[in-house]
Amino acid sequence: MNDQIFDAIREALANADESSWTQELHIQVIKYADSLADVTGKEFCEAVQIKDSYFAEFNKMKKIATRLIAAGLDVSRL
């Protein structure tokens, strides 16, 4: 399952323009946060083939996703 998610995230990032790449990263992590709950930042960066320095962004977005979902965000619409 995670391989399909990582593929989808890689594709979304590849299709994002340079000015919105980080925003797209945030959206993708929020979208798949439930499935990525047991994935570490380092594992995520390796799997998606991005710089290890993005592990902090990954961890922040997972935490924010929990609050957004609890507040009613429908991640299927992302």
C-alpha atoms as a PDB file:
ATOM      1  CA  MET A   1       0.000   0.000   0.000  1.00  0.00           C
ATOM      2  CA  ASN A   2       2.690   2.499   0.955  1.00  0.00           C
ATOM      3  CA  ASP A   3       4.500   1.902  -2.338  1.00  0.00           C
ATOM      4  CA  GLN A   4       1.409   3.099  -4.223  1.00  0.00           C
ATOM      5  CA  ILE A   5       1.149   6.124  -1.945  1.00  0.00           C
ATOM      6  CA  PHE A   6       4.817   6.970  -2.394  1.00  0.00           C
ATOM      7  CA  ASP A   7       4.401   6.643  -6.171  1.00  0.00           C
ATOM      8  CA  ALA A   8       1.391   8.981  -6.097  1.00  0.00           C
ATOM      9  CA  ILE A   9       3.273  11.532  -3.997  1.00  0.00           C
ATOM     10  CA  ARG A  10       6.345  11.380  -6.262  1.00  0.00           C
ATOM     11  CA  GLU A  11       4.097  11.954  -9.279  1.00  0.00           C
ATOM     12  CA  ALA A  12       2.283  14.885  -7.641  1.00  0.00           C
ATOM     13  CA  LEU A  13       5.584  16.501  -6.712  1.00  0.00           C
ATOM     14  CA  ALA A  14       6.997  15.921 -10.194  1.00  0.00           C
ATOM     15  CA  ASN A  15       3.954  17.676 -11.681  1.00  0.00           C
ATOM     16  CA  ALA A  16       4.079  20.631  -9.278  1.00  0.00           C
ATOM     17  CA  ASP A  17       5.732  23.774 -10.526  1.00  0.00           C
ATOM     18  CA  GLU A  18       8.724  25.083  -8.629  1.00  0.00           C
ATOM     19  CA  SER A  19       6.784  27.855  -6.905  1.00  0.00           C
ATOM     20  CA  SER A  20       4.225  25.458  -5.407  1.00  0.00           C
ATOM     21  CA  TRP A  21       6.366  22.364  -4.797  1.00  0.00           C
ATOM     22  CA  THR A  22       6.495  22.738  -0.997  1.00  0.00           C
ATOM     23  CA  GLN A  23       2.764  23.421  -0.865  1.00  0.00           C
ATOM     24  CA  GLU A  24       2.149  20.254  -2.849  1.00  0.00           C
ATOM     25  CA  LEU A  25       4.371  18.308  -0.450  1.00  0.00           C
ATOM     26  CA  HIS A  26       2.265  19.572   2.466  1.00  0.00           C
ATOM     27  CA  ILE A  27      -1.003  18.670   0.736  1.00  0.00           C
ATOM     28  CA  GLN A  28       0.200  15.176  -0.107  1.00  0.00           C
ATOM     29  CA  VAL A  29       1.344  14.450   3.450  1.00  0.00           C
ATOM     30  CA  ILE A  30      -1.978  15.701   4.827  1.00  0.00           C
ATOM     31  CA  LYS A  31      -3.892  13.674   2.239  1.00  0.00           C
ATOM     32  CA  TYR A  32      -2.145  10.415   3.132  1.00  0.00           C
ATOM     33  CA  ALA A  33      -1.395  11.095   6.825  1.00  0.00           C
ATOM     34  CA  ASP A  34      -3.447   8.147   8.102  1.00  0.00           C
ATOM     35  CA  SER A  35      -1.593   5.709   5.881  1.00  0.00           C
ATOM     36  CA  LEU A  36       1.763   7.287   6.735  1.00  0.00           C
ATOM     37  CA  ALA A  37       1.240   7.237  10.510  1.00  0.00           C
ATOM     38  CA  ASP A  38       3.967   4.635  11.104  1.00  0.00           C
ATOM     39  CA  VAL A  39       6.423   6.066   8.563  1.00  0.00           C
ATOM     40  CA  THR A  40       9.341   8.096   9.888  1.00  0.00           C
ATOM     41  CA  GLY A  41      10.477  11.314   8.266  1.00  0.00           C
ATOM     42  CA  LYS A  42      13.676   9.653   7.098  1.00  0.00           C
ATOM     43  CA  GLU A  43      11.783   6.710   5.576  1.00  0.00           C
ATOM     44  CA  PHE A  44       9.395   9.105   3.850  1.00  0.00           C
ATOM     45  CA  CYS A  45      12.179  11.181   2.321  1.00  0.00           C
ATOM     46  CA  GLU A  46      13.949   8.077   1.055  1.00  0.00           C
ATOM     47  CA  ALA A  47      10.775   6.551  -0.365  1.00  0.00           C
ATOM     48  CA  VAL A  48       9.676   9.741  -2.118  1.00  0.00           C
ATOM     49  CA  GLN A  49      13.259  10.474  -3.185  1.00  0.00           C
ATOM     50  CA  ILE A  50      13.505  13.970  -1.731  1.00  0.00           C
ATOM     51  CA  LYS A  51      16.185  15.630   0.387  1.00  0.00           C
ATOM     52  CA  ASP A  52      16.453  14.317   3.945  1.00  0.00           C
ATOM     53  CA  SER A  53      16.051  17.878   5.165  1.00  0.00           C
ATOM     54  CA  TYR A  54      12.307  17.632   4.402  1.00  0.00           C
ATOM     55  CA  PHE A  55      11.793  15.163   7.261  1.00  0.00           C
ATOM     56  CA  ALA A  56      10.788  18.050   9.557  1.00  0.00           C
ATOM     57  CA  GLU A  57       8.140  19.239   7.083  1.00  0.00           C
ATOM     58  CA  PHE A  58       6.806  15.696   6.898  1.00  0.00           C
ATOM     59  CA  ASN A  59       6.546  15.416  10.679  1.00  0.00           C
ATOM     60  CA  LYS A  60       4.872  18.830  11.017  1.00  0.00           C
ATOM     61  CA  MET A  61       2.297  18.029   8.354  1.00  0.00           C
ATOM     62  CA  LYS A  62       1.423  14.682   9.965  1.00  0.00           C
ATOM     63  CA  LYS A  63       0.702  16.499  13.237  1.00  0.00           C
ATOM     64  CA  ILE A  64      -1.311  19.210  11.524  1.00  0.00           C
ATOM     65  CA  ALA A  65      -3.248  16.597   9.541  1.00  0.00           C
ATOM     66  CA  THR A  66      -4.486  15.020  12.755  1.00  0.00           C
ATOM     67  CA  ARG A  67      -5.981  18.334  13.876  1.00  0.00           C
ATOM     68  CA  LEU A  68      -7.419  19.166  10.459  1.00  0.00           C
ATOM     69  CA  ILE A  69      -9.099  15.777  10.149  1.00  0.00           C
ATOM     70  CA  ALA A  70     -10.487  16.079  13.687  1.00  0.00           C
ATOM     71  CA  ALA A  71     -11.904  19.472  12.661  1.00  0.00           C
ATOM     72  CA  GLY A  72     -13.706  17.904   9.706  1.00  0.00           C
ATOM     73  CA  LEU A  73     -11.303  18.057   6.769  1.00  0.00           C
ATOM     74  CA  ASP A  74     -12.303  15.573   4.076  1.00  0.00           C
ATOM     75  CA  VAL A  75      -8.915  14.451   2.759  1.00  0.00           C
ATOM     76  CA  SER A  76     -10.559  12.637  -0.151  1.00  0.00           C
ATOM     77  CA  ARG A  77     -11.228  16.088  -1.632  1.00  0.00           C
ATOM     78  CA  LEU A  78      -7.519  16.979  -1.744  1.00  0.00           C
END
